[in-house]
């Protein structure tokens, strides 16, 4: 599929009530998200960007060297590309100020969810990354997953119903 810029769809403007699965990789694939302080700092700045851009953070999972986000525009004017730039800019700036090194690789990955993709199923898949990666046996045991919309139990129950 043709893109303009890294991974962005040419025929899609990323504005409106859409859902996105995003992945941001740490600079040089460093394992920066093993430190709770680093995760908390990045998460707080991502949440700040989400509020500013009217984006809901439906699920997040900080793996040691990357971050998965499932987000959704809350208004017709919600701009996912602006959110991505702002989230990485704010968290990267504050991370550098606190820890003295770069946080993010320049580019990330995004997937626009289709209407037939169930939000909570995608959220569950995202939250199960630490289990699939062998970091924990249960999602509930991993400290760096969550949502600002759902409880973890609500997301995990989705597959069993």
C-alpha atoms as a PDB file:
ATOM      1  CA  UNK A   1       0.000   0.000   0.000  1.00  0.00           C
ATOM      2  CA  UNK A   2       1.520   3.364  -0.956  1.00  0.00           C
ATOM      3  CA  UNK A   3       2.426   5.606   1.918  1.00  0.00           C
ATOM      4  CA  UNK A   4       3.587   9.162   2.383  1.00  0.00           C
ATOM      5  CA  UNK A   5       6.128   9.249   5.129  1.00  0.00           C
ATOM      6  CA  UNK A   6       6.923   6.158   7.148  1.00  0.00           C
ATOM      7  CA  UNK A   7       3.849   3.992   7.431  1.00  0.00           C
ATOM      8  CA  UNK A   8       1.162   6.637   6.998  1.00  0.00           C
ATOM      9  CA  UNK A   9      -1.632   5.916   4.542  1.00  0.00           C
ATOM     10  CA  UNK A  10      -1.741   8.448   1.744  1.00  0.00           C
ATOM     11  CA  UNK A  11      -5.521   8.322   1.298  1.00  0.00           C
ATOM     12  CA  UNK A  12      -6.341   8.613   5.003  1.00  0.00           C
ATOM     13  CA  UNK A  13      -6.159  11.841   7.011  1.00  0.00           C
ATOM     14  CA  UNK A  14      -6.099  10.316  10.555  1.00  0.00           C
ATOM     15  CA  UNK A  15      -8.705  12.830  11.795  1.00  0.00           C
ATOM     16  CA  UNK A  16     -11.945  11.773  13.431  1.00  0.00           C
ATOM     17  CA  UNK A  17     -13.514   8.975  15.408  1.00  0.00           C
ATOM     18  CA  UNK A  18     -11.091   6.205  14.459  1.00  0.00           C
ATOM     19  CA  UNK A  19      -9.198   3.576  16.451  1.00  0.00           C
ATOM     20  CA  UNK A  20      -5.499   2.860  16.075  1.00  0.00           C
ATOM     21  CA  UNK A  21      -3.027   0.274  17.245  1.00  0.00           C
ATOM     22  CA  UNK A  22       0.334   2.025  17.689  1.00  0.00           C
ATOM     23  CA  UNK A  23       3.844   0.787  18.445  1.00  0.00           C
ATOM     24  CA  UNK A  24       6.696   3.073  19.491  1.00  0.00           C
ATOM     25  CA  UNK A  25      10.179   1.540  19.767  1.00  0.00           C
ATOM     26  CA  UNK A  26      12.800   2.725  22.236  1.00  0.00           C
ATOM     27  CA  UNK A  27      15.879   4.447  20.854  1.00  0.00           C
ATOM     28  CA  UNK A  28      18.415   1.851  19.650  1.00  0.00           C
ATOM     29  CA  UNK A  29      16.049  -0.872  20.964  1.00  0.00           C
ATOM     30  CA  UNK A  30      17.285  -0.197  24.498  1.00  0.00           C
ATOM     31  CA  UNK A  31      15.381  -1.857  27.351  1.00  0.00           C
ATOM     32  CA  UNK A  32      14.251   1.408  28.935  1.00  0.00           C
ATOM     33  CA  UNK A  33      10.855   0.264  30.207  1.00  0.00           C
ATOM     34  CA  UNK A  34      12.081  -2.033  32.954  1.00  0.00           C
ATOM     35  CA  UNK A  35      12.229   0.941  35.330  1.00  0.00           C
ATOM     36  CA  UNK A  36       8.836   1.876  36.852  1.00  0.00           C
ATOM     37  CA  UNK A  37       9.896   5.548  36.978  1.00  0.00           C
ATOM     38  CA  UNK A  38      10.537   5.565  33.216  1.00  0.00           C
ATOM     39  CA  UNK A  39       7.173   3.940  32.504  1.00  0.00           C
ATOM     40  CA  UNK A  40       5.316   6.358  34.785  1.00  0.00           C
ATOM     41  CA  UNK A  41       7.024   9.371  33.232  1.00  0.00           C
ATOM     42  CA  UNK A  42       6.243   8.263  29.665  1.00  0.00           C
ATOM     43  CA  UNK A  43       2.684   7.254  30.520  1.00  0.00           C
ATOM     44  CA  UNK A  44       1.888  10.574  32.181  1.00  0.00           C
ATOM     45  CA  UNK A  45       3.078  12.518  29.141  1.00  0.00           C
ATOM     46  CA  UNK A  46       1.207  10.227  26.740  1.00  0.00           C
ATOM     47  CA  UNK A  47      -1.951  10.770  28.777  1.00  0.00           C
ATOM     48  CA  UNK A  48      -1.324  14.533  28.635  1.00  0.00           C
ATOM     49  CA  UNK A  49      -1.087  14.374  24.830  1.00  0.00           C
ATOM     50  CA  UNK A  50      -4.229  12.234  24.699  1.00  0.00           C
ATOM     51  CA  UNK A  51      -6.222  14.805  26.650  1.00  0.00           C
ATOM     52  CA  UNK A  52      -4.903  17.646  24.476  1.00  0.00           C
ATOM     53  CA  UNK A  53      -5.797  15.826  21.248  1.00  0.00           C
ATOM     54  CA  UNK A  54      -9.100  14.296  22.452  1.00  0.00           C
ATOM     55  CA  UNK A  55      -7.790  10.745  22.179  1.00  0.00           C
ATOM     56  CA  UNK A  56      -8.799   7.901  24.522  1.00  0.00           C
ATOM     57  CA  UNK A  57      -6.063   5.474  25.583  1.00  0.00           C
ATOM     58  CA  UNK A  58      -8.015   2.217  25.478  1.00  0.00           C
ATOM     59  CA  UNK A  59      -5.029   0.020  26.338  1.00  0.00           C
ATOM     60  CA  UNK A  60      -1.280   0.279  26.797  1.00  0.00           C
ATOM     61  CA  UNK A  61       1.523  -2.212  27.250  1.00  0.00           C
ATOM     62  CA  UNK A  62       5.086  -1.139  27.972  1.00  0.00           C
ATOM     63  CA  UNK A  63       7.382  -3.944  26.875  1.00  0.00           C
ATOM     64  CA  UNK A  64      11.057  -3.578  27.857  1.00  0.00           C
ATOM     65  CA  UNK A  65      12.104  -2.006  24.530  1.00  0.00           C
ATOM     66  CA  UNK A  66       8.837  -0.734  23.026  1.00  0.00           C
ATOM     67  CA  UNK A  67       5.318   0.475  23.760  1.00  0.00           C
ATOM     68  CA  UNK A  68       1.974  -0.722  22.383  1.00  0.00           C
ATOM     69  CA  UNK A  69      -1.018   1.620  22.486  1.00  0.00           C
ATOM     70  CA  UNK A  70      -4.631   1.181  21.444  1.00  0.00           C
ATOM     71  CA  UNK A  71      -6.206   4.604  21.071  1.00  0.00           C
ATOM     72  CA  UNK A  72      -9.434   6.091  19.766  1.00  0.00           C
ATOM     73  CA  UNK A  73     -10.427   9.555  18.601  1.00  0.00           C
ATOM     74  CA  UNK A  74     -13.158  11.042  20.783  1.00  0.00           C
ATOM     75  CA  UNK A  75     -14.194  13.905  18.493  1.00  0.00           C
ATOM     76  CA  UNK A  76     -14.516  14.638  14.802  1.00  0.00           C
ATOM     77  CA  UNK A  77     -11.443  16.856  15.231  1.00  0.00           C
ATOM     78  CA  UNK A  78      -9.280  14.211  16.978  1.00  0.00           C
ATOM     79  CA  UNK A  79      -6.015  14.059  15.045  1.00  0.00           C
ATOM     80  CA  UNK A  80      -4.106  10.788  15.525  1.00  0.00           C
ATOM     81  CA  UNK A  81      -0.965  11.979  13.751  1.00  0.00           C
ATOM     82  CA  UNK A  82      -0.846  15.059  15.947  1.00  0.00           C
ATOM     83  CA  UNK A  83      -1.374  12.819  18.991  1.00  0.00           C
ATOM     84  CA  UNK A  84       1.504  10.541  17.923  1.00  0.00           C
ATOM     85  CA  UNK A  85       3.860  13.489  17.440  1.00  0.00           C
ATOM     86  CA  UNK A  86       2.776  15.140  20.693  1.00  0.00           C
ATOM     87  CA  UNK A  87       2.936  11.937  22.770  1.00  0.00           C
ATOM     88  CA  UNK A  88       6.433  11.083  21.561  1.00  0.00           C
ATOM     89  CA  UNK A  89       7.589  14.706  21.824  1.00  0.00           C
ATOM     90  CA  UNK A  90       6.353  15.242  25.393  1.00  0.00           C
ATOM     91  CA  UNK A  91       7.460  11.877  26.741  1.00  0.00           C
ATOM     92  CA  UNK A  92      10.788  12.050  24.901  1.00  0.00           C
ATOM     93  CA  UNK A  93      11.534  15.555  26.174  1.00  0.00           C
ATOM     94  CA  UNK A  94      10.747  14.732  29.798  1.00  0.00           C
ATOM     95  CA  UNK A  95      12.589  11.421  29.592  1.00  0.00           C
ATOM     96  CA  UNK A  96      15.722  13.166  28.283  1.00  0.00           C
ATOM     97  CA  UNK A  97      15.451  15.797  31.032  1.00  0.00           C
ATOM     98  CA  UNK A  98      15.144  13.108  33.713  1.00  0.00           C
ATOM     99  CA  UNK A  99      17.362  10.283  32.453  1.00  0.00           C
ATOM    100  CA  UNK A 100      19.743  12.122  30.108  1.00  0.00           C
ATOM    101  CA  UNK A 101      19.163  10.008  27.001  1.00  0.00           C
ATOM    102  CA  UNK A 102      16.831   9.704  24.021  1.00  0.00           C
ATOM    103  CA  UNK A 103      13.657   7.679  24.515  1.00  0.00           C
ATOM    104  CA  UNK A 104      12.193   6.930  21.078  1.00  0.00           C
ATOM    105  CA  UNK A 105      13.257   5.823  17.653  1.00  0.00           C
ATOM    106  CA  UNK A 106      12.201   8.332  15.019  1.00  0.00           C
ATOM    107  CA  UNK A 107       9.401   6.290  13.473  1.00  0.00           C
ATOM    108  CA  UNK A 108       6.776   3.952  14.853  1.00  0.00           C
ATOM    109  CA  UNK A 109       4.072   1.727  13.469  1.00  0.00           C
ATOM    110  CA  UNK A 110       0.346   2.256  13.268  1.00  0.00           C
ATOM    111  CA  UNK A 111      -2.640   0.233  12.181  1.00  0.00           C
ATOM    112  CA  UNK A 112      -6.055   1.799  11.645  1.00  0.00           C
ATOM    113  CA  UNK A 113      -8.632  -0.617  13.014  1.00  0.00           C
ATOM    114  CA  UNK A 114     -11.420  -1.622  10.672  1.00  0.00           C
ATOM    115  CA  UNK A 115     -15.029  -1.314  11.776  1.00  0.00           C
ATOM    116  CA  UNK A 116     -15.257  -5.106  12.127  1.00  0.00           C
ATOM    117  CA  UNK A 117     -12.277  -5.320  14.521  1.00  0.00           C
ATOM    118  CA  UNK A 118     -13.591  -5.583  18.076  1.00  0.00           C
ATOM    119  CA  UNK A 119     -11.911  -3.013  20.321  1.00  0.00           C
ATOM    120  CA  UNK A 120     -11.704  -5.133  23.455  1.00  0.00           C
ATOM    121  CA  UNK A 121     -10.390  -8.160  21.569  1.00  0.00           C
ATOM    122  CA  UNK A 122      -7.601  -6.007  20.139  1.00  0.00           C
ATOM    123  CA  UNK A 123      -6.986  -4.566  23.623  1.00  0.00           C
ATOM    124  CA  UNK A 124      -6.765  -8.062  25.095  1.00  0.00           C
ATOM    125  CA  UNK A 125      -4.294  -9.147  22.428  1.00  0.00           C
ATOM    126  CA  UNK A 126      -2.184  -6.063  23.182  1.00  0.00           C
ATOM    127  CA  UNK A 127      -2.248  -6.673  26.958  1.00  0.00           C
ATOM    128  CA  UNK A 128      -1.211 -10.305  26.477  1.00  0.00           C
ATOM    129  CA  UNK A 129       2.142  -9.320  24.926  1.00  0.00           C
ATOM    130  CA  UNK A 130       4.086  -9.867  28.200  1.00  0.00           C
ATOM    131  CA  UNK A 131       2.615 -13.376  28.482  1.00  0.00           C
ATOM    132  CA  UNK A 132       3.490 -14.239  24.884  1.00  0.00           C
ATOM    133  CA  UNK A 133       6.950 -12.719  25.462  1.00  0.00           C
ATOM    134  CA  UNK A 134       7.559 -14.983  28.446  1.00  0.00           C
ATOM    135  CA  UNK A 135       7.825 -12.118  30.951  1.00  0.00           C
ATOM    136  CA  UNK A 136       4.915 -13.288  33.140  1.00  0.00           C
ATOM    137  CA  UNK A 137       2.407 -16.129  33.255  1.00  0.00           C
ATOM    138  CA  UNK A 138      -0.655 -13.894  33.665  1.00  0.00           C
ATOM    139  CA  UNK A 139      -1.418 -10.404  32.351  1.00  0.00           C
ATOM    140  CA  UNK A 140      -2.416  -9.342  35.867  1.00  0.00           C
ATOM    141  CA  UNK A 141       1.144 -10.023  37.056  1.00  0.00           C
ATOM    142  CA  UNK A 142       2.713  -7.515  34.656  1.00  0.00           C
ATOM    143  CA  UNK A 143       2.978  -4.020  36.160  1.00  0.00           C
ATOM    144  CA  UNK A 144       3.156  -2.010  32.921  1.00  0.00           C
ATOM    145  CA  UNK A 145      -0.206  -2.705  31.250  1.00  0.00           C
ATOM    146  CA  UNK A 146      -3.498  -0.896  31.611  1.00  0.00           C
ATOM    147  CA  UNK A 147      -6.186   1.318  30.169  1.00  0.00           C
ATOM    148  CA  UNK A 148      -7.681   4.700  30.898  1.00  0.00           C
ATOM    149  CA  UNK A 149     -11.109   3.457  29.794  1.00  0.00           C
ATOM    150  CA  UNK A 150     -11.492  -0.179  30.868  1.00  0.00           C
ATOM    151  CA  UNK A 151     -10.355  -2.236  33.801  1.00  0.00           C
ATOM    152  CA  UNK A 152      -7.929  -5.025  32.966  1.00  0.00           C
ATOM    153  CA  UNK A 153     -10.606  -7.544  33.990  1.00  0.00           C
ATOM    154  CA  UNK A 154     -13.095  -6.018  31.513  1.00  0.00           C
ATOM    155  CA  UNK A 155     -10.577  -6.390  28.718  1.00  0.00           C
ATOM    156  CA  UNK A 156      -9.557  -9.933  29.677  1.00  0.00           C
ATOM    157  CA  UNK A 157     -13.169 -11.116  30.020  1.00  0.00           C
ATOM    158  CA  UNK A 158     -13.883 -10.173  26.405  1.00  0.00           C
ATOM    159  CA  UNK A 159     -12.486 -13.401  24.929  1.00  0.00           C
ATOM    160  CA  UNK A 160     -14.243 -15.690  27.386  1.00  0.00           C
ATOM    161  CA  UNK A 161     -17.735 -14.355  26.614  1.00  0.00           C
END
